[in-house]
Amino acid sequence: SRDNAKITVYLQMNSLKPEDTAVYYCAASRSPLLGGEGSAAKEYDY
């Protein structure tokens, strides 16, 4: 989810599993739109 007034994006993670263990990275695109499903890292600039 996101709160544009606070310029913040959230990731609520429930029912966590050991396989969710990782370093989690936030990424931003210069575009307001997603290319496809937004799943390609190359879509993001920051």
ModelCIF file with pLDDT and N, C-alpha, C, O atoms, coordinates in Angstrom:
data_MODEL
#
_entry.id   MODEL 
#
_entity.id                         1 
_entity.type                       polymer 
_entity.pdbx_number_of_molecules   1 
#
_entity_poly.entity_id                      1 
_entity_poly.type                           'polypeptide(L)' 
_entity_poly.nstd_linkage                   no 
_entity_poly.nstd_monomer                   no 
_entity_poly.pdbx_seq_one_letter_code       SRDNAKITVYLQMNSLKPEDTAVYYCAASRSPLLGGEGSAAKEYDY 
_entity_poly.pdbx_seq_one_letter_code_can   SRDNAKITVYLQMNSLKPEDTAVYYCAASRSPLLGGEGSAAKEYDY 
_entity_poly.pdbx_strand_id                 A 
#
loop_
_entity_poly_seq.entity_id 
_entity_poly_seq.num 
_entity_poly_seq.mon_id 
_entity_poly_seq.hetero 
1 1  SER n 
1 2  ARG n 
1 3  ASP n 
1 4  ASN n 
1 5  ALA n 
1 6  LYS n 
1 7  ILE n 
1 8  THR n 
1 9  VAL n 
1 10 TYR n 
1 11 LEU n 
1 12 GLN n 
1 13 MET n 
1 14 ASN n 
1 15 SER n 
1 16 LEU n 
1 17 LYS n 
1 18 PRO n 
1 19 GLU n 
1 20 ASP n 
1 21 THR n 
1 22 ALA n 
1 23 VAL n 
1 24 TYR n 
1 25 TYR n 
1 26 CYS n 
1 27 ALA n 
1 28 ALA n 
1 29 SER n 
1 30 ARG n 
1 31 SER n 
1 32 PRO n 
1 33 LEU n 
1 34 LEU n 
1 35 GLY n 
1 36 GLY n 
1 37 GLU n 
1 38 GLY n 
1 39 SER n 
1 40 ALA n 
1 41 ALA n 
1 42 LYS n 
1 43 GLU n 
1 44 TYR n 
1 45 ASP n 
1 46 TYR n 
#
_struct_asym.id          A 
_struct_asym.entity_id   1 
#
loop_
_ma_qa_metric.id 
_ma_qa_metric.mode 
_ma_qa_metric.name 
_ma_qa_metric.software_group_id 
_ma_qa_metric.type 
1 global pLDDT . pLDDT 
2 local  pLDDT . pLDDT 
#
_ma_qa_metric_global.metric_id      1 
_ma_qa_metric_global.metric_value   93.96 
_ma_qa_metric_global.model_id       1 
_ma_qa_metric_global.ordinal_id     1 
#
loop_
_ma_qa_metric_local.label_asym_id 
_ma_qa_metric_local.label_comp_id 
_ma_qa_metric_local.label_seq_id 
_ma_qa_metric_local.metric_id 
_ma_qa_metric_local.metric_value 
_ma_qa_metric_local.model_id 
_ma_qa_metric_local.ordinal_id 
A SER 1  2 97.00 1 1  
A ARG 2  2 95.00 1 2  
A ASP 3  2 94.00 1 3  
A ASN 4  2 91.00 1 4  
A ALA 5  2 90.00 1 5  
A LYS 6  2 89.00 1 6  
A ILE 7  2 91.00 1 7  
A THR 8  2 94.00 1 8  
A VAL 9  2 96.00 1 9  
A TYR 10 2 98.00 1 10 
A LEU 11 2 98.00 1 11 
A GLN 12 2 98.00 1 12 
A MET 13 2 98.00 1 13 
A ASN 14 2 98.00 1 14 
A SER 15 2 98.00 1 15 
A LEU 16 2 98.00 1 16 
A LYS 17 2 98.00 1 17 
A PRO 18 2 97.00 1 18 
A GLU 19 2 97.00 1 19 
A ASP 20 2 98.00 1 20 
A THR 21 2 98.00 1 21 
A ALA 22 2 98.00 1 22 
A VAL 23 2 98.00 1 23 
A TYR 24 2 98.00 1 24 
A TYR 25 2 98.00 1 25 
A CYS 26 2 97.00 1 26 
A ALA 27 2 97.00 1 27 
A ALA 28 2 95.00 1 28 
A SER 29 2 92.00 1 29 
A ARG 30 2 90.00 1 30 
A SER 31 2 89.00 1 31 
A PRO 32 2 90.00 1 32 
A LEU 33 2 88.00 1 33 
A LEU 34 2 87.00 1 34 
A GLY 35 2 81.00 1 35 
A GLY 36 2 85.00 1 36 
A GLU 37 2 88.00 1 37 
A GLY 38 2 91.00 1 38 
A SER 39 2 93.00 1 39 
A ALA 40 2 93.00 1 40 
A ALA 41 2 94.00 1 41 
A LYS 42 2 94.00 1 42 
A GLU 43 2 93.00 1 43 
A TYR 44 2 95.00 1 44 
A ASP 45 2 93.00 1 45 
A TYR 46 2 94.00 1 46 
#
loop_
_atom_site.group_PDB 
_atom_site.id 
_atom_site.type_symbol 
_atom_site.label_atom_id 
_atom_site.label_alt_id 
_atom_site.label_comp_id 
_atom_site.label_asym_id 
_atom_site.label_entity_id 
_atom_site.label_seq_id 
_atom_site.pdbx_PDB_ins_code 
_atom_site.Cartn_x 
_atom_site.Cartn_y 
_atom_site.Cartn_z 
_atom_site.occupancy 
_atom_site.B_iso_or_equiv 
_atom_site.pdbx_formal_charge 
_atom_site.auth_seq_id 
_atom_site.auth_comp_id 
_atom_site.auth_asym_id 
_atom_site.auth_atom_id 
_atom_site.pdbx_PDB_model_num 
ATOM 1   N N  . SER A 1 1  ? 0.853  -1.183  0.000   1.00 97.00 ? 1  SER A N  1 
ATOM 2   C CA . SER A 1 1  ? 0.000  0.000   0.000   1.00 97.00 ? 1  SER A CA 1 
ATOM 3   C C  . SER A 1 1  ? 0.893  1.238   0.000   1.00 97.00 ? 1  SER A C  1 
ATOM 4   O O  . SER A 1 1  ? 2.107  1.143   0.181   1.00 97.00 ? 1  SER A O  1 
ATOM 5   N N  . ARG A 1 2  ? 0.279  2.387   -0.204  1.00 95.00 ? 2  ARG A N  1 
ATOM 6   C CA . ARG A 1 2  ? 1.077  3.622   -0.207  1.00 95.00 ? 2  ARG A CA 1 
ATOM 7   C C  . ARG A 1 2  ? 0.251  4.772   0.317   1.00 95.00 ? 2  ARG A C  1 
ATOM 8   O O  . ARG A 1 2  ? -0.976 4.791   0.218   1.00 95.00 ? 2  ARG A O  1 
ATOM 9   N N  . ASP A 1 3  ? 0.964  5.732   0.878   1.00 94.00 ? 3  ASP A N  1 
ATOM 10  C CA . ASP A 1 3  ? 0.372  6.980   1.341   1.00 94.00 ? 3  ASP A CA 1 
ATOM 11  C C  . ASP A 1 3  ? 1.148  8.084   0.641   1.00 94.00 ? 3  ASP A C  1 
ATOM 12  O O  . ASP A 1 3  ? 2.239  8.449   1.080   1.00 94.00 ? 3  ASP A O  1 
ATOM 13  N N  . ASN A 1 4  ? 0.602  8.613   -0.431  1.00 91.00 ? 4  ASN A N  1 
ATOM 14  C CA . ASN A 1 4  ? 1.341  9.592   -1.223  1.00 91.00 ? 4  ASN A CA 1 
ATOM 15  C C  . ASN A 1 4  ? 1.547  10.908  -0.473  1.00 91.00 ? 4  ASN A C  1 
ATOM 16  O O  . ASN A 1 4  ? 2.508  11.631  -0.737  1.00 91.00 ? 4  ASN A O  1 
ATOM 17  N N  . ALA A 1 5  ? 0.666  11.211  0.440   1.00 90.00 ? 5  ALA A N  1 
ATOM 18  C CA . ALA A 1 5  ? 0.851  12.428  1.238   1.00 90.00 ? 5  ALA A CA 1 
ATOM 19  C C  . ALA A 1 5  ? 2.102  12.311  2.103   1.00 90.00 ? 5  ALA A C  1 
ATOM 20  O O  . ALA A 1 5  ? 2.785  13.302  2.363   1.00 90.00 ? 5  ALA A O  1 
ATOM 21  N N  . LYS A 1 6  ? 2.392  11.094  2.543   1.00 89.00 ? 6  LYS A N  1 
ATOM 22  C CA . LYS A 1 6  ? 3.575  10.856  3.380   1.00 89.00 ? 6  LYS A CA 1 
ATOM 23  C C  . LYS A 1 6  ? 4.754  10.352  2.553   1.00 89.00 ? 6  LYS A C  1 
ATOM 24  O O  . LYS A 1 6  ? 5.834  10.113  3.094   1.00 89.00 ? 6  LYS A O  1 
ATOM 25  N N  . ILE A 1 7  ? 4.558  10.190  1.265   1.00 91.00 ? 7  ILE A N  1 
ATOM 26  C CA . ILE A 1 7  ? 5.582  9.682   0.350   1.00 91.00 ? 7  ILE A CA 1 
ATOM 27  C C  . ILE A 1 7  ? 6.160  8.388   0.909   1.00 91.00 ? 7  ILE A C  1 
ATOM 28  O O  . ILE A 1 7  ? 7.375  8.208   0.990   1.00 91.00 ? 7  ILE A O  1 
ATOM 29  N N  . THR A 1 8  ? 5.264  7.503   1.287   1.00 94.00 ? 8  THR A N  1 
ATOM 30  C CA . THR A 1 8  ? 5.660  6.256   1.945   1.00 94.00 ? 8  THR A CA 1 
ATOM 31  C C  . THR A 1 8  ? 4.920  5.082   1.319   1.00 94.00 ? 8  THR A C  1 
ATOM 32  O O  . THR A 1 8  ? 3.733  5.164   1.006   1.00 94.00 ? 8  THR A O  1 
ATOM 33  N N  . VAL A 1 9  ? 5.651  3.995   1.146   1.00 96.00 ? 9  VAL A N  1 
ATOM 34  C CA . VAL A 1 9  ? 5.076  2.734   0.681   1.00 96.00 ? 9  VAL A CA 1 
ATOM 35  C C  . VAL A 1 9  ? 5.260  1.702   1.780   1.00 96.00 ? 9  VAL A C  1 
ATOM 36  O O  . VAL A 1 9  ? 6.288  1.670   2.455   1.00 96.00 ? 9  VAL A O  1 
ATOM 37  N N  . TYR A 1 10 ? 4.257  0.867   1.947   1.00 98.00 ? 10 TYR A N  1 
ATOM 38  C CA . TYR A 1 10 ? 4.277  -0.126  3.009   1.00 98.00 ? 10 TYR A CA 1 
ATOM 39  C C  . TYR A 1 10 ? 4.197  -1.532  2.417   1.00 98.00 ? 10 TYR A C  1 
ATOM 40  O O  . TYR A 1 10 ? 3.679  -1.741  1.320   1.00 98.00 ? 10 TYR A O  1 
ATOM 41  N N  . LEU A 1 11 ? 4.722  -2.474  3.171   1.00 98.00 ? 11 LEU A N  1 
ATOM 42  C CA . LEU A 1 11 ? 4.549  -3.881  2.845   1.00 98.00 ? 11 LEU A CA 1 
ATOM 43  C C  . LEU A 1 11 ? 4.156  -4.587  4.129   1.00 98.00 ? 11 LEU A C  1 
ATOM 44  O O  . LEU A 1 11 ? 4.995  -4.829  4.997   1.00 98.00 ? 11 LEU A O  1 
ATOM 45  N N  . GLN A 1 12 ? 2.887  -4.914  4.245   1.00 98.00 ? 12 GLN A N  1 
ATOM 46  C CA . GLN A 1 12 ? 2.403  -5.672  5.391   1.00 98.00 ? 12 GLN A CA 1 
ATOM 47  C C  . GLN A 1 12 ? 2.596  -7.148  5.104   1.00 98.00 ? 12 GLN A C  1 
ATOM 48  O O  . GLN A 1 12 ? 2.085  -7.673  4.115   1.00 98.00 ? 12 GLN A O  1 
ATOM 49  N N  . MET A 1 13 ? 3.332  -7.806  5.970   1.00 98.00 ? 13 MET A N  1 
ATOM 50  C CA . MET A 1 13 ? 3.670  -9.213  5.759   1.00 98.00 ? 13 MET A CA 1 
ATOM 51  C C  . MET A 1 13 ? 3.078  -10.039 6.892   1.00 98.00 ? 13 MET A C  1 
ATOM 52  O O  . MET A 1 13 ? 3.472  -9.893  8.049   1.00 98.00 ? 13 MET A O  1 
ATOM 53  N N  . ASN A 1 14 ? 2.140  -10.897 6.558   1.00 98.00 ? 14 ASN A N  1 
ATOM 54  C CA . ASN A 1 14 ? 1.495  -11.773 7.534   1.00 98.00 ? 14 ASN A CA 1 
ATOM 55  C C  . ASN A 1 14 ? 1.831  -13.229 7.239   1.00 98.00 ? 14 ASN A C  1 
ATOM 56  O O  . ASN A 1 14 ? 2.305  -13.565 6.154   1.00 98.00 ? 14 ASN A O  1 
ATOM 57  N N  . SER A 1 15 ? 1.580  -14.072 8.209   1.00 98.00 ? 15 SER A N  1 
ATOM 58  C CA . SER A 1 15 ? 1.822  -15.511 8.050   1.00 98.00 ? 15 SER A CA 1 
ATOM 59  C C  . SER A 1 15 ? 3.213  -15.781 7.490   1.00 98.00 ? 15 SER A C  1 
ATOM 60  O O  . SER A 1 15 ? 3.380  -16.551 6.544   1.00 98.00 ? 15 SER A O  1 
ATOM 61  N N  . LEU A 1 16 ? 4.186  -15.146 8.078   1.00 98.00 ? 16 LEU A N  1 
ATOM 62  C CA . LEU A 1 16 ? 5.548  -15.251 7.572   1.00 98.00 ? 16 LEU A CA 1 
ATOM 63  C C  . LEU A 1 16 ? 6.086  -16.671 7.693   1.00 98.00 ? 16 LEU A C  1 
ATOM 64  O O  . LEU A 1 16 ? 5.761  -17.410 8.622   1.00 98.00 ? 16 LEU A O  1 
ATOM 65  N N  . LYS A 1 17 ? 6.913  -17.020 6.727   1.00 98.00 ? 17 LYS A N  1 
ATOM 66  C CA . LYS A 1 17 ? 7.525  -18.346 6.666   1.00 98.00 ? 17 LYS A CA 1 
ATOM 67  C C  . LYS A 1 17 ? 9.043  -18.196 6.675   1.00 98.00 ? 17 LYS A C  1 
ATOM 68  O O  . LYS A 1 17 ? 9.566  -17.145 6.304   1.00 98.00 ? 17 LYS A O  1 
ATOM 69  N N  . PRO A 1 18 ? 9.746  -19.235 7.094   1.00 97.00 ? 18 PRO A N  1 
ATOM 70  C CA . PRO A 1 18 ? 11.220 -19.153 7.067   1.00 97.00 ? 18 PRO A CA 1 
ATOM 71  C C  . PRO A 1 18 ? 11.766 -18.813 5.674   1.00 97.00 ? 18 PRO A C  1 
ATOM 72  O O  . PRO A 1 18 ? 12.803 -18.159 5.560   1.00 97.00 ? 18 PRO A O  1 
ATOM 73  N N  . GLU A 1 19 ? 11.090 -19.242 4.639   1.00 97.00 ? 19 GLU A N  1 
ATOM 74  C CA . GLU A 1 19 ? 11.559 -18.946 3.280   1.00 97.00 ? 19 GLU A CA 1 
ATOM 75  C C  . GLU A 1 19 ? 11.351 -17.488 2.881   1.00 97.00 ? 19 GLU A C  1 
ATOM 76  O O  . GLU A 1 19 ? 11.793 -17.074 1.809   1.00 97.00 ? 19 GLU A O  1 
ATOM 77  N N  . ASP A 1 20 ? 10.693 -16.713 3.718   1.00 98.00 ? 20 ASP A N  1 
ATOM 78  C CA . ASP A 1 20 ? 10.580 -15.273 3.476   1.00 98.00 ? 20 ASP A CA 1 
ATOM 79  C C  . ASP A 1 20 ? 11.816 -14.517 3.979   1.00 98.00 ? 20 ASP A C  1 
ATOM 80  O O  . ASP A 1 20 ? 11.943 -13.314 3.754   1.00 98.00 ? 20 ASP A O  1 
ATOM 81  N N  . THR A 1 21 ? 12.703 -15.211 4.643   1.00 98.00 ? 21 THR A N  1 
ATOM 82  C CA . THR A 1 21 ? 13.919 -14.588 5.148   1.00 98.00 ? 21 THR A CA 1 
ATOM 83  C C  . THR A 1 21 ? 14.742 -14.031 3.994   1.00 98.00 ? 21 THR A C  1 
ATOM 84  O O  . THR A 1 21 ? 15.087 -14.751 3.058   1.00 98.00 ? 21 THR A O  1 
ATOM 85  N N  . ALA A 1 22 ? 15.051 -12.747 4.074   1.00 98.00 ? 22 ALA A N  1 
ATOM 86  C CA . ALA A 1 22 ? 15.785 -12.082 2.996   1.00 98.00 ? 22 ALA A CA 1 
ATOM 87  C C  . ALA A 1 22 ? 16.028 -10.631 3.389   1.00 98.00 ? 22 ALA A C  1 
ATOM 88  O O  . ALA A 1 22 ? 15.493 -10.140 4.383   1.00 98.00 ? 22 ALA A O  1 
ATOM 89  N N  . VAL A 1 23 ? 16.836 -9.967  2.598   1.00 98.00 ? 23 VAL A N  1 
ATOM 90  C CA . VAL A 1 23 ? 16.918 -8.518  2.662   1.00 98.00 ? 23 VAL A CA 1 
ATOM 91  C C  . VAL A 1 23 ? 15.860 -7.974  1.706   1.00 98.00 ? 23 VAL A C  1 
ATOM 92  O O  . VAL A 1 23 ? 15.807 -8.349  0.535   1.00 98.00 ? 23 VAL A O  1 
ATOM 93  N N  . TYR A 1 24 ? 15.026 -7.090  2.227   1.00 98.00 ? 24 TYR A N  1 
ATOM 94  C CA . TYR A 1 24 ? 13.937 -6.533  1.432   1.00 98.00 ? 24 TYR A CA 1 
ATOM 95  C C  . TYR A 1 24 ? 14.308 -5.125  0.974   1.00 98.00 ? 24 TYR A C  1 
ATOM 96  O O  . TYR A 1 24 ? 14.736 -4.285  1.765   1.00 98.00 ? 24 TYR A O  1 
ATOM 97  N N  . TYR A 1 25 ? 14.133 -4.896  -0.321  1.00 98.00 ? 25 TYR A N  1 
ATOM 98  C CA . TYR A 1 25 ? 14.498 -3.632  -0.939  1.00 98.00 ? 25 TYR A CA 1 
ATOM 99  C C  . TYR A 1 25 ? 13.269 -2.924  -1.490  1.00 98.00 ? 25 TYR A C  1 
ATOM 100 O O  . TYR A 1 25 ? 12.386 -3.542  -2.086  1.00 98.00 ? 25 TYR A O  1 
ATOM 101 N N  . CYS A 1 26 ? 13.234 -1.638  -1.280  1.00 97.00 ? 26 CYS A N  1 
ATOM 102 C CA . CYS A 1 26 ? 12.228 -0.781  -1.869  1.00 97.00 ? 26 CYS A CA 1 
ATOM 103 C C  . CYS A 1 26 ? 12.804 -0.200  -3.161  1.00 97.00 ? 26 CYS A C  1 
ATOM 104 O O  . CYS A 1 26 ? 13.996 0.096   -3.232  1.00 97.00 ? 26 CYS A O  1 
ATOM 105 N N  . ALA A 1 27 ? 11.967 -0.041  -4.170  1.00 97.00 ? 27 ALA A N  1 
ATOM 106 C CA . ALA A 1 27 ? 12.421 0.494   -5.442  1.00 97.00 ? 27 ALA A CA 1 
ATOM 107 C C  . ALA A 1 27 ? 11.384 1.466   -5.991  1.00 97.00 ? 27 ALA A C  1 
ATOM 108 O O  . ALA A 1 27 ? 10.184 1.316   -5.760  1.00 97.00 ? 27 ALA A O  1 
ATOM 109 N N  . ALA A 1 28 ? 11.874 2.470   -6.725  1.00 95.00 ? 28 ALA A N  1 
ATOM 110 C CA . ALA A 1 28 ? 10.986 3.465   -7.316  1.00 95.00 ? 28 ALA A CA 1 
ATOM 111 C C  . ALA A 1 28 ? 11.290 3.625   -8.797  1.00 95.00 ? 28 ALA A C  1 
ATOM 112 O O  . ALA A 1 28 ? 12.446 3.609   -9.219  1.00 95.00 ? 28 ALA A O  1 
ATOM 113 N N  . SER A 1 29 ? 10.243 3.775   -9.560  1.00 92.00 ? 29 SER A N  1 
ATOM 114 C CA . SER A 1 29 ? 10.378 4.036   -10.993 1.00 92.00 ? 29 SER A CA 1 
ATOM 115 C C  . SER A 1 29 ? 10.177 5.515   -11.257 1.00 92.00 ? 29 SER A C  1 
ATOM 116 O O  . SER A 1 29 ? 9.499  6.197   -10.488 1.00 92.00 ? 29 SER A O  1 
ATOM 117 N N  . ARG A 1 30 ? 10.755 6.016   -12.332 1.00 90.00 ? 30 ARG A N  1 
ATOM 118 C CA . ARG A 1 30 ? 10.484 7.404   -12.720 1.00 90.00 ? 30 ARG A CA 1 
ATOM 119 C C  . ARG A 1 30 ? 9.067  7.547   -13.258 1.00 90.00 ? 30 ARG A C  1 
ATOM 120 O O  . ARG A 1 30 ? 8.533  8.655   -13.319 1.00 90.00 ? 30 ARG A O  1 
ATOM 121 N N  . SER A 1 31 ? 8.461  6.443   -13.643 1.00 89.00 ? 31 SER A N  1 
ATOM 122 C CA . SER A 1 31 ? 7.125  6.471   -14.218 1.00 89.00 ? 31 SER A CA 1 
ATOM 123 C C  . SER A 1 31 ? 6.066  6.227   -13.144 1.00 89.00 ? 31 SER A C  1 
ATOM 124 O O  . SER A 1 31 ? 6.308  5.486   -12.191 1.00 89.00 ? 31 SER A O  1 
ATOM 125 N N  . PRO A 1 32 ? 4.894  6.848   -13.296 1.00 90.00 ? 32 PRO A N  1 
ATOM 126 C CA . PRO A 1 32 ? 3.800  6.561   -12.358 1.00 90.00 ? 32 PRO A CA 1 
ATOM 127 C C  . PRO A 1 32 ? 3.118  5.228   -12.646 1.00 90.00 ? 32 PRO A C  1 
ATOM 128 O O  . PRO A 1 32 ? 2.345  4.715   -11.836 1.00 90.00 ? 32 PRO A O  1 
ATOM 129 N N  . LEU A 1 33 ? 3.424  4.683   -13.816 1.00 88.00 ? 33 LEU A N  1 
ATOM 130 C CA . LEU A 1 33 ? 2.767  3.453   -14.234 1.00 88.00 ? 33 LEU A CA 1 
ATOM 131 C C  . LEU A 1 33 ? 3.710  2.263   -14.093 1.00 88.00 ? 33 LEU A C  1 
ATOM 132 O O  . LEU A 1 33 ? 4.930  2.418   -14.037 1.00 88.00 ? 33 LEU A O  1 
ATOM 133 N N  . LEU A 1 34 ? 3.126  1.088   -14.036 1.00 87.00 ? 34 LEU A N  1 
ATOM 134 C CA . LEU A 1 34 ? 3.909  -0.132  -14.009 1.00 87.00 ? 34 LEU A CA 1 
ATOM 135 C C  . LEU A 1 34 ? 3.973  -0.715  -15.411 1.00 87.00 ? 34 LEU A C  1 
ATOM 136 O O  . LEU A 1 34 ? 2.980  -0.739  -16.138 1.00 87.00 ? 34 LEU A O  1 
ATOM 137 N N  . GLY A 1 35 ? 5.153  -1.183  -15.771 1.00 81.00 ? 35 GLY A N  1 
ATOM 138 C CA . GLY A 1 35 ? 5.281  -1.903  -17.027 1.00 81.00 ? 35 GLY A CA 1 
ATOM 139 C C  . GLY A 1 35 ? 4.886  -3.338  -16.798 1.00 81.00 ? 35 GLY A C  1 
ATOM 140 O O  . GLY A 1 35 ? 5.556  -4.035  -16.036 1.00 81.00 ? 35 GLY A O  1 
ATOM 141 N N  . GLY A 1 36 ? 3.861  -3.799  -17.403 1.00 85.00 ? 36 GLY A N  1 
ATOM 142 C CA . GLY A 1 36 ? 3.416  -5.158  -17.128 1.00 85.00 ? 36 GLY A CA 1 
ATOM 143 C C  . GLY A 1 36 ? 2.977  -5.268  -15.678 1.00 85.00 ? 36 GLY A C  1 
ATOM 144 O O  . GLY A 1 36 ? 2.126  -4.507  -15.216 1.00 85.00 ? 36 GLY A O  1 
ATOM 145 N N  . GLU A 1 37 ? 3.553  -6.208  -14.975 1.00 88.00 ? 37 GLU A N  1 
ATOM 146 C CA . GLU A 1 37 ? 3.212  -6.383  -13.569 1.00 88.00 ? 37 GLU A CA 1 
ATOM 147 C C  . GLU A 1 37 ? 4.250  -5.775  -12.631 1.00 88.00 ? 37 GLU A C  1 
ATOM 148 O O  . GLU A 1 37 ? 4.241  -6.028  -11.426 1.00 88.00 ? 37 GLU A O  1 
ATOM 149 N N  . GLY A 1 38 ? 5.139  -4.973  -13.200 1.00 91.00 ? 38 GLY A N  1 
ATOM 150 C CA . GLY A 1 38 ? 6.114  -4.310  -12.358 1.00 91.00 ? 38 GLY A CA 1 
ATOM 151 C C  . GLY A 1 38 ? 7.104  -5.238  -11.717 1.00 91.00 ? 38 GLY A C  1 
ATOM 152 O O  . GLY A 1 38 ? 7.704  -4.891  -10.699 1.00 91.00 ? 38 GLY A O  1 
ATOM 153 N N  . SER A 1 39 ? 7.296  -6.420  -12.285 1.00 93.00 ? 39 SER A N  1 
ATOM 154 C CA . SER A 1 39 ? 8.126  -7.432  -11.659 1.00 93.00 ? 39 SER A CA 1 
ATOM 155 C C  . SER A 1 39 ? 9.583  -7.426  -12.119 1.00 93.00 ? 39 SER A C  1 
ATOM 156 O O  . SER A 1 39 ? 10.405 -8.163  -11.576 1.00 93.00 ? 39 SER A O  1 
ATOM 157 N N  . ALA A 1 40 ? 9.901  -6.614  -13.099 1.00 93.00 ? 40 ALA A N  1 
ATOM 158 C CA . ALA A 1 40 ? 11.274 -6.582  -13.613 1.00 93.00 ? 40 ALA A CA 1 
ATOM 159 C C  . ALA A 1 40 ? 12.080 -5.504  -12.914 1.00 93.00 ? 40 ALA A C  1 
ATOM 160 O O  . ALA A 1 40 ? 11.680 -4.340  -12.883 1.00 93.00 ? 40 ALA A O  1 
ATOM 161 N N  . ALA A 1 41 ? 13.204 -5.890  -12.361 1.00 94.00 ? 41 ALA A N  1 
ATOM 162 C CA . ALA A 1 41 ? 14.039 -4.939  -11.629 1.00 94.00 ? 41 ALA A CA 1 
ATOM 163 C C  . ALA A 1 41 ? 14.484 -3.779  -12.511 1.00 94.00 ? 41 ALA A C  1 
ATOM 164 O O  . ALA A 1 41 ? 14.671 -2.665  -12.023 1.00 94.00 ? 41 ALA A O  1 
ATOM 165 N N  . LYS A 1 42 ? 14.651 -4.031  -13.794 1.00 94.00 ? 42 LYS A N  1 
ATOM 166 C CA . LYS A 1 42 ? 15.137 -2.994  -14.705 1.00 94.00 ? 42 LYS A CA 1 
ATOM 167 C C  . LYS A 1 42 ? 14.135 -1.861  -14.904 1.00 94.00 ? 42 LYS A C  1 
ATOM 168 O O  . LYS A 1 42 ? 14.487 -0.814  -15.447 1.00 94.00 ? 42 LYS A O  1 
ATOM 169 N N  . GLU A 1 43 ? 12.890 -2.059  -14.469 1.00 93.00 ? 43 GLU A N  1 
ATOM 170 C CA . GLU A 1 43 ? 11.896 -0.997  -14.563 1.00 93.00 ? 43 GLU A CA 1 
ATOM 171 C C  . GLU A 1 43 ? 12.131 0.111   -13.542 1.00 93.00 ? 43 GLU A C  1 
ATOM 172 O O  . GLU A 1 43 ? 11.602 1.214   -13.680 1.00 93.00 ? 43 GLU A O  1 
ATOM 173 N N  . TYR A 1 44 ? 12.912 -0.184  -12.536 1.00 95.00 ? 44 TYR A N  1 
ATOM 174 C CA . TYR A 1 44 ? 13.066 0.733   -11.414 1.00 95.00 ? 44 TYR A CA 1 
ATOM 175 C C  . TYR A 1 44 ? 14.386 1.485   -11.490 1.00 95.00 ? 44 TYR A C  1 
ATOM 176 O O  . TYR A 1 44 ? 15.429 0.937   -11.846 1.00 95.00 ? 44 TYR A O  1 
ATOM 177 N N  . ASP A 1 45 ? 14.297 2.754   -11.143 1.00 93.00 ? 45 ASP A N  1 
ATOM 178 C CA . ASP A 1 45 ? 15.453 3.632   -11.290 1.00 93.00 ? 45 ASP A CA 1 
ATOM 179 C C  . ASP A 1 45 ? 16.163 3.930   -9.982  1.00 93.00 ? 45 ASP A C  1 
ATOM 180 O O  . ASP A 1 45 ? 17.327 4.331   -9.981  1.00 93.00 ? 45 ASP A O  1 
ATOM 181 N N  . TYR A 1 46 ? 15.477 3.737   -8.880  1.00 94.00 ? 46 TYR A N  1 
ATOM 182 C CA . TYR A 1 46 ? 16.053 4.065   -7.572  1.00 94.00 ? 46 TYR A CA 1 
ATOM 183 C C  . TYR A 1 46 ? 15.811 2.902   -6.623  1.00 94.00 ? 46 TYR A C  1 
ATOM 184 O O  . TYR A 1 46 ? 16.213 2.959   -5.461  1.00 94.00 ? 46 TYR A O  1 
#
